């Protein structure tokens, strides 16, 4: 399953994890992909939702940290 998740989490060109808005966008696309191509795979859907939750959490954290430094 990790090999299926990796392209939605890490850039294929620079091998860096997606961050901020792009990470959330990729997580949303991954959820759509899972719903379209693997609609009965609940484990994969949970993995996609966890990816989105992590991306949102990191995005909110970064927004709060940048707001506190001003």
N, C-alpha and C. Protein backbone atom coordinates (compact mmCIF):
# COMPACT_ATOMS: atom_id res chain seq x y z
N UNK A 1 0.83 -1.19 0.00
CA UNK A 1 0.00 0.00 0.00
C UNK A 1 0.88 1.26 0.00
N UNK A 2 2.04 1.18 0.65
CA UNK A 2 2.92 2.35 0.74
C UNK A 2 3.30 2.86 -0.65
N UNK A 3 3.56 1.96 -1.59
CA UNK A 3 3.95 2.36 -2.94
C UNK A 3 2.82 3.10 -3.63
N UNK A 4 1.59 2.82 -3.29
CA UNK A 4 0.45 3.51 -3.87
C UNK A 4 0.27 4.91 -3.26
N UNK A 5 0.61 5.05 -2.01
CA UNK A 5 0.45 6.33 -1.31
C UNK A 5 1.58 7.30 -1.63
N UNK A 6 2.78 6.79 -1.80
CA UNK A 6 3.97 7.63 -1.94
C UNK A 6 3.87 8.73 -2.98
N UNK A 7 3.35 8.49 -4.20
CA UNK A 7 3.28 9.58 -5.18
C UNK A 7 2.37 10.74 -4.76
N UNK A 8 1.46 10.48 -3.86
CA UNK A 8 0.54 11.52 -3.39
C UNK A 8 1.13 12.30 -2.22
N UNK A 9 2.24 11.82 -1.70
CA UNK A 9 2.85 12.40 -0.51
C UNK A 9 4.19 13.08 -0.81
N UNK A 10 4.92 12.54 -1.80
CA UNK A 10 6.28 13.00 -2.09
C UNK A 10 6.41 13.31 -3.58
N UNK A 11 7.06 14.42 -3.90
CA UNK A 11 7.28 14.82 -5.29
C UNK A 11 8.19 13.80 -5.99
N UNK A 12 7.79 13.37 -7.16
CA UNK A 12 8.57 12.39 -7.93
C UNK A 12 9.84 13.01 -8.49
N UNK A 13 9.88 14.32 -8.65
CA UNK A 13 11.06 14.98 -9.22
C UNK A 13 12.13 15.29 -8.17
N UNK A 14 11.74 15.95 -7.10
CA UNK A 14 12.73 16.38 -6.10
C UNK A 14 12.76 15.48 -4.86
N UNK A 15 11.80 14.57 -4.75
CA UNK A 15 11.72 13.60 -3.65
C UNK A 15 11.50 14.26 -2.29
N UNK A 16 10.93 15.45 -2.31
CA UNK A 16 10.59 16.14 -1.07
C UNK A 16 9.10 15.98 -0.80
N UNK A 17 8.71 15.89 0.46
CA UNK A 17 7.28 15.81 0.77
C UNK A 17 6.57 17.10 0.35
N UNK A 18 5.35 16.95 -0.12
CA UNK A 18 4.54 18.13 -0.42
C UNK A 18 4.25 18.85 0.89
N UNK A 19 4.14 20.18 0.81
CA UNK A 19 3.88 20.98 2.00
C UNK A 19 2.77 21.98 1.73
N UNK A 20 2.15 22.42 2.81
CA UNK A 20 1.16 23.49 2.79
C UNK A 20 0.01 23.19 1.84
N UNK A 21 -0.38 24.16 1.04
CA UNK A 21 -1.51 24.00 0.13
C UNK A 21 -1.35 22.84 -0.84
N UNK A 22 -0.18 22.67 -1.45
CA UNK A 22 -0.01 21.53 -2.36
C UNK A 22 -0.21 20.17 -1.67
N UNK A 23 0.20 20.06 -0.42
CA UNK A 23 0.00 18.81 0.31
C UNK A 23 -1.48 18.52 0.51
N UNK A 24 -2.24 19.54 0.84
CA UNK A 24 -3.69 19.39 1.01
C UNK A 24 -4.34 19.06 -0.33
N UNK A 25 -3.91 19.75 -1.38
CA UNK A 25 -4.46 19.48 -2.72
C UNK A 25 -4.18 18.05 -3.16
N UNK A 26 -2.96 17.58 -2.94
CA UNK A 26 -2.62 16.21 -3.33
C UNK A 26 -3.42 15.19 -2.51
N UNK A 27 -3.61 15.47 -1.24
CA UNK A 27 -4.40 14.58 -0.40
C UNK A 27 -5.85 14.52 -0.88
N UNK A 28 -6.40 15.67 -1.26
CA UNK A 28 -7.77 15.68 -1.82
C UNK A 28 -7.85 14.87 -3.09
N UNK A 29 -6.85 15.01 -3.95
CA UNK A 29 -6.82 14.25 -5.20
C UNK A 29 -6.68 12.76 -4.93
N UNK A 30 -5.91 12.41 -3.92
CA UNK A 30 -5.75 11.00 -3.56
C UNK A 30 -7.07 10.41 -3.10
N UNK A 31 -7.81 11.16 -2.31
CA UNK A 31 -9.13 10.69 -1.87
C UNK A 31 -10.04 10.48 -3.08
N UNK A 32 -10.04 11.40 -4.01
CA UNK A 32 -10.85 11.25 -5.23
C UNK A 32 -10.41 10.03 -6.02
N UNK A 33 -9.10 9.84 -6.14
CA UNK A 33 -8.56 8.68 -6.86
C UNK A 33 -9.03 7.37 -6.22
N UNK A 34 -8.93 7.29 -4.90
CA UNK A 34 -9.34 6.08 -4.20
C UNK A 34 -10.83 5.83 -4.40
N UNK A 35 -11.64 6.87 -4.27
CA UNK A 35 -13.08 6.71 -4.46
C UNK A 35 -13.43 6.25 -5.88
N UNK A 36 -12.68 6.74 -6.86
CA UNK A 36 -12.95 6.39 -8.26
C UNK A 36 -12.42 5.02 -8.66
N UNK A 37 -11.24 4.66 -8.18
CA UNK A 37 -10.59 3.45 -8.68
C UNK A 37 -10.62 2.27 -7.71
N UNK A 38 -10.80 2.53 -6.44
CA UNK A 38 -10.82 1.47 -5.42
C UNK A 38 -11.97 1.72 -4.44
N UNK A 39 -13.20 1.81 -4.92
CA UNK A 39 -14.31 2.22 -4.05
C UNK A 39 -14.60 1.27 -2.89
N UNK A 40 -14.17 0.01 -2.99
CA UNK A 40 -14.46 -0.95 -1.93
C UNK A 40 -13.29 -1.18 -0.98
N UNK A 41 -12.19 -0.48 -1.18
CA UNK A 41 -10.99 -0.66 -0.35
C UNK A 41 -11.02 0.34 0.81
N UNK A 42 -11.61 -0.09 1.91
CA UNK A 42 -11.74 0.80 3.07
C UNK A 42 -10.39 1.13 3.69
N UNK A 43 -9.45 0.20 3.65
CA UNK A 43 -8.12 0.46 4.19
C UNK A 43 -7.41 1.56 3.44
N UNK A 44 -7.52 1.54 2.12
CA UNK A 44 -6.89 2.57 1.31
C UNK A 44 -7.58 3.92 1.52
N UNK A 45 -8.89 3.89 1.68
CA UNK A 45 -9.61 5.14 1.96
C UNK A 45 -9.17 5.73 3.30
N UNK A 46 -9.00 4.89 4.29
CA UNK A 46 -8.52 5.37 5.59
C UNK A 46 -7.13 5.97 5.44
N UNK A 47 -6.27 5.33 4.67
CA UNK A 47 -4.92 5.86 4.43
C UNK A 47 -4.99 7.23 3.75
N UNK A 48 -5.89 7.38 2.78
CA UNK A 48 -6.04 8.66 2.08
C UNK A 48 -6.56 9.74 3.03
N UNK A 49 -7.50 9.38 3.87
CA UNK A 49 -8.03 10.34 4.84
C UNK A 49 -6.98 10.72 5.87
N UNK A 50 -6.15 9.76 6.29
CA UNK A 50 -5.07 10.07 7.22
C UNK A 50 -4.05 11.00 6.57
N UNK A 51 -3.79 10.81 5.29
CA UNK A 51 -2.87 11.70 4.58
C UNK A 51 -3.42 13.12 4.58
N UNK A 52 -4.73 13.25 4.33
CA UNK A 52 -5.34 14.58 4.33
C UNK A 52 -5.31 15.19 5.72
N UNK A 53 -5.62 14.40 6.72
CA UNK A 53 -5.61 14.91 8.09
C UNK A 53 -4.21 15.41 8.47
N UNK A 54 -3.19 14.65 8.11
CA UNK A 54 -1.82 15.06 8.39
C UNK A 54 -1.45 16.34 7.64
N UNK A 55 -1.86 16.42 6.38
CA UNK A 55 -1.57 17.61 5.57
C UNK A 55 -2.26 18.84 6.15
N UNK A 56 -3.52 18.68 6.55
CA UNK A 56 -4.25 19.81 7.15
C UNK A 56 -3.63 20.23 8.47
N UNK A 57 -3.26 19.25 9.28
CA UNK A 57 -2.64 19.56 10.57
C UNK A 57 -1.34 20.32 10.40
N UNK A 58 -0.51 19.86 9.47
CA UNK A 58 0.76 20.54 9.21
C UNK A 58 0.53 21.94 8.65
N UNK A 59 -0.44 22.08 7.77
CA UNK A 59 -0.76 23.37 7.18
C UNK A 59 -1.22 24.36 8.26
N UNK A 60 -2.11 23.93 9.12
CA UNK A 60 -2.61 24.79 10.19
C UNK A 60 -1.48 25.15 11.15
N UNK A 61 -0.65 24.18 11.47
CA UNK A 61 0.49 24.44 12.36
C UNK A 61 1.41 25.49 11.75
N UNK A 62 1.74 25.34 10.47
CA UNK A 62 2.63 26.30 9.81
C UNK A 62 2.00 27.69 9.74
N UNK A 63 0.70 27.74 9.51
CA UNK A 63 0.01 29.04 9.47
C UNK A 63 0.07 29.71 10.84
N UNK A 64 -0.14 28.93 11.89
CA UNK A 64 -0.10 29.48 13.24
C UNK A 64 1.30 29.93 13.61
N UNK A 65 2.30 29.17 13.21
CA UNK A 65 3.69 29.54 13.54
C UNK A 65 4.12 30.80 12.79
N UNK A 66 3.70 30.93 11.55
CA UNK A 66 4.08 32.13 10.80
C UNK A 66 3.33 33.35 11.33
N UNK A 67 2.15 33.16 11.83
CA UNK A 67 1.39 34.27 12.41
C UNK A 67 1.93 34.71 13.75
N UNK A 68 2.51 33.78 14.50
CA UNK A 68 3.06 34.12 15.81
C UNK A 68 4.41 34.82 15.72
N UNK A 69 5.09 34.71 14.58
CA UNK A 69 6.43 35.27 14.49
C UNK A 69 6.40 36.73 14.05
N UNK A 70 5.24 37.28 13.80
CA UNK A 70 5.14 38.67 13.35
C UNK A 70 5.03 39.63 14.48
